[in-house]
Amino acid sequence: MAEAQKTLHITQTRSAIGRKADQGKTLKALGLGKIGRTVDHVDCPTIRGMIFKVKHLVEVVED
């Protein structure tokens, strides 16, 4: 049987105002943009890299 993929629950906790433009674009690519917004993504290296870039602006919970 195929192994179930892990899910990441990503919540934006801080604003992107005053940050570099690429950090704001990374938040948009993750589906965020407002404080308190939560999205779910499959755990993969691409998403992990995006999270690493904005780790000071988001909170991540593994499922």
C-alpha atoms as a PDB file:
ATOM      1  CA  MET A   1       0.000   0.000   0.000  1.00  0.00           C
ATOM      2  CA  ALA A   2       1.096   3.532  -0.637  1.00  0.00           C
ATOM      3  CA  GLU A   3       2.219   5.541   2.333  1.00  0.00           C
ATOM      4  CA  ALA A   4      -0.041   8.455   3.257  1.00  0.00           C
ATOM      5  CA  GLN A   5       1.520  11.847   2.589  1.00  0.00           C
ATOM      6  CA  LYS A   6       2.135  14.125   5.534  1.00  0.00           C
ATOM      7  CA  THR A   7       0.311  17.429   5.674  1.00  0.00           C
ATOM      8  CA  LEU A   8       1.657  20.742   6.926  1.00  0.00           C
ATOM      9  CA  HIS A   9      -0.697  23.303   8.478  1.00  0.00           C
ATOM     10  CA  ILE A  10       0.899  26.710   7.871  1.00  0.00           C
ATOM     11  CA  THR A  11      -0.417  29.810   9.659  1.00  0.00           C
ATOM     12  CA  GLN A  12       0.816  33.343   9.045  1.00  0.00           C
ATOM     13  CA  THR A  13       1.638  34.943  12.409  1.00  0.00           C
ATOM     14  CA  ARG A  14       3.421  38.150  11.379  1.00  0.00           C
ATOM     15  CA  SER A  15       3.003  40.760   8.683  1.00  0.00           C
ATOM     16  CA  ALA A  16       5.125  40.965   5.543  1.00  0.00           C
ATOM     17  CA  ILE A  17       5.098  44.776   5.661  1.00  0.00           C
ATOM     18  CA  GLY A  18       8.643  46.126   5.797  1.00  0.00           C
ATOM     19  CA  ARG A  19      10.122  42.812   4.635  1.00  0.00           C
ATOM     20  CA  LYS A  20      11.897  42.106   1.372  1.00  0.00           C
ATOM     21  CA  ALA A  21       9.632  41.735  -1.652  1.00  0.00           C
ATOM     22  CA  ASP A  22      10.604  38.110  -2.230  1.00  0.00           C
ATOM     23  CA  GLN A  23       9.330  37.187   1.240  1.00  0.00           C
ATOM     24  CA  GLY A  24       5.934  38.711   0.457  1.00  0.00           C
ATOM     25  CA  LYS A  25       5.835  36.838  -2.844  1.00  0.00           C
ATOM     26  CA  THR A  26       6.705  33.602  -1.042  1.00  0.00           C
ATOM     27  CA  LEU A  27       3.783  34.119   1.349  1.00  0.00           C
ATOM     28  CA  LYS A  28       1.473  34.684  -1.629  1.00  0.00           C
ATOM     29  CA  ALA A  29       2.792  31.535  -3.308  1.00  0.00           C
ATOM     30  CA  LEU A  30       1.991  29.584  -0.141  1.00  0.00           C
ATOM     31  CA  GLY A  31      -1.564  30.960  -0.246  1.00  0.00           C
ATOM     32  CA  LEU A  32      -1.103  33.332   2.678  1.00  0.00           C
ATOM     33  CA  GLY A  33      -1.224  37.114   2.832  1.00  0.00           C
ATOM     34  CA  LYS A  34      -3.138  38.033   5.965  1.00  0.00           C
ATOM     35  CA  ILE A  35      -2.235  37.400   9.578  1.00  0.00           C
ATOM     36  CA  GLY A  36      -4.138  34.433  10.967  1.00  0.00           C
ATOM     37  CA  ARG A  37      -4.779  32.778   7.617  1.00  0.00           C
ATOM     38  CA  THR A  38      -4.073  29.021   7.587  1.00  0.00           C
ATOM     39  CA  VAL A  39      -3.386  26.766   4.616  1.00  0.00           C
ATOM     40  CA  ASP A  40      -2.625  23.057   4.260  1.00  0.00           C
ATOM     41  CA  HIS A  41       0.136  21.775   1.994  1.00  0.00           C
ATOM     42  CA  VAL A  42       1.626  18.368   1.320  1.00  0.00           C
ATOM     43  CA  ASP A  43       5.035  17.970   2.965  1.00  0.00           C
ATOM     44  CA  CYS A  44       7.598  18.156   0.145  1.00  0.00           C
ATOM     45  CA  PRO A  45      11.036  19.758  -0.295  1.00  0.00           C
ATOM     46  CA  THR A  46       9.607  22.638  -2.351  1.00  0.00           C
ATOM     47  CA  ILE A  47       7.160  23.681   0.360  1.00  0.00           C
ATOM     48  CA  ARG A  48       9.809  23.175   3.062  1.00  0.00           C
ATOM     49  CA  GLY A  49      12.132  25.552   1.187  1.00  0.00           C
ATOM     50  CA  MET A  50       9.410  28.185   0.963  1.00  0.00           C
ATOM     51  CA  ILE A  51       8.676  27.813   4.676  1.00  0.00           C
ATOM     52  CA  PHE A  52      12.385  28.185   5.479  1.00  0.00           C
ATOM     53  CA  LYS A  53      12.447  31.495   3.597  1.00  0.00           C
ATOM     54  CA  VAL A  54       9.613  32.955   5.723  1.00  0.00           C
ATOM     55  CA  LYS A  55      10.049  30.925   8.925  1.00  0.00           C
ATOM     56  CA  HIS A  56      10.010  34.105  11.032  1.00  0.00           C
ATOM     57  CA  LEU A  57       6.545  35.025   9.676  1.00  0.00           C
ATOM     58  CA  VAL A  58       4.731  31.682   9.909  1.00  0.00           C
ATOM     59  CA  GLU A  59       3.949  28.853  12.304  1.00  0.00           C
ATOM     60  CA  VAL A  60       3.996  25.261  11.026  1.00  0.00           C
ATOM     61  CA  VAL A  61       2.238  22.231  12.497  1.00  0.00           C
ATOM     62  CA  GLU A  62       2.926  18.778  11.063  1.00  0.00           C
ATOM     63  CA  ASP A  63       0.044  16.367  10.743  1.00  0.00           C
END
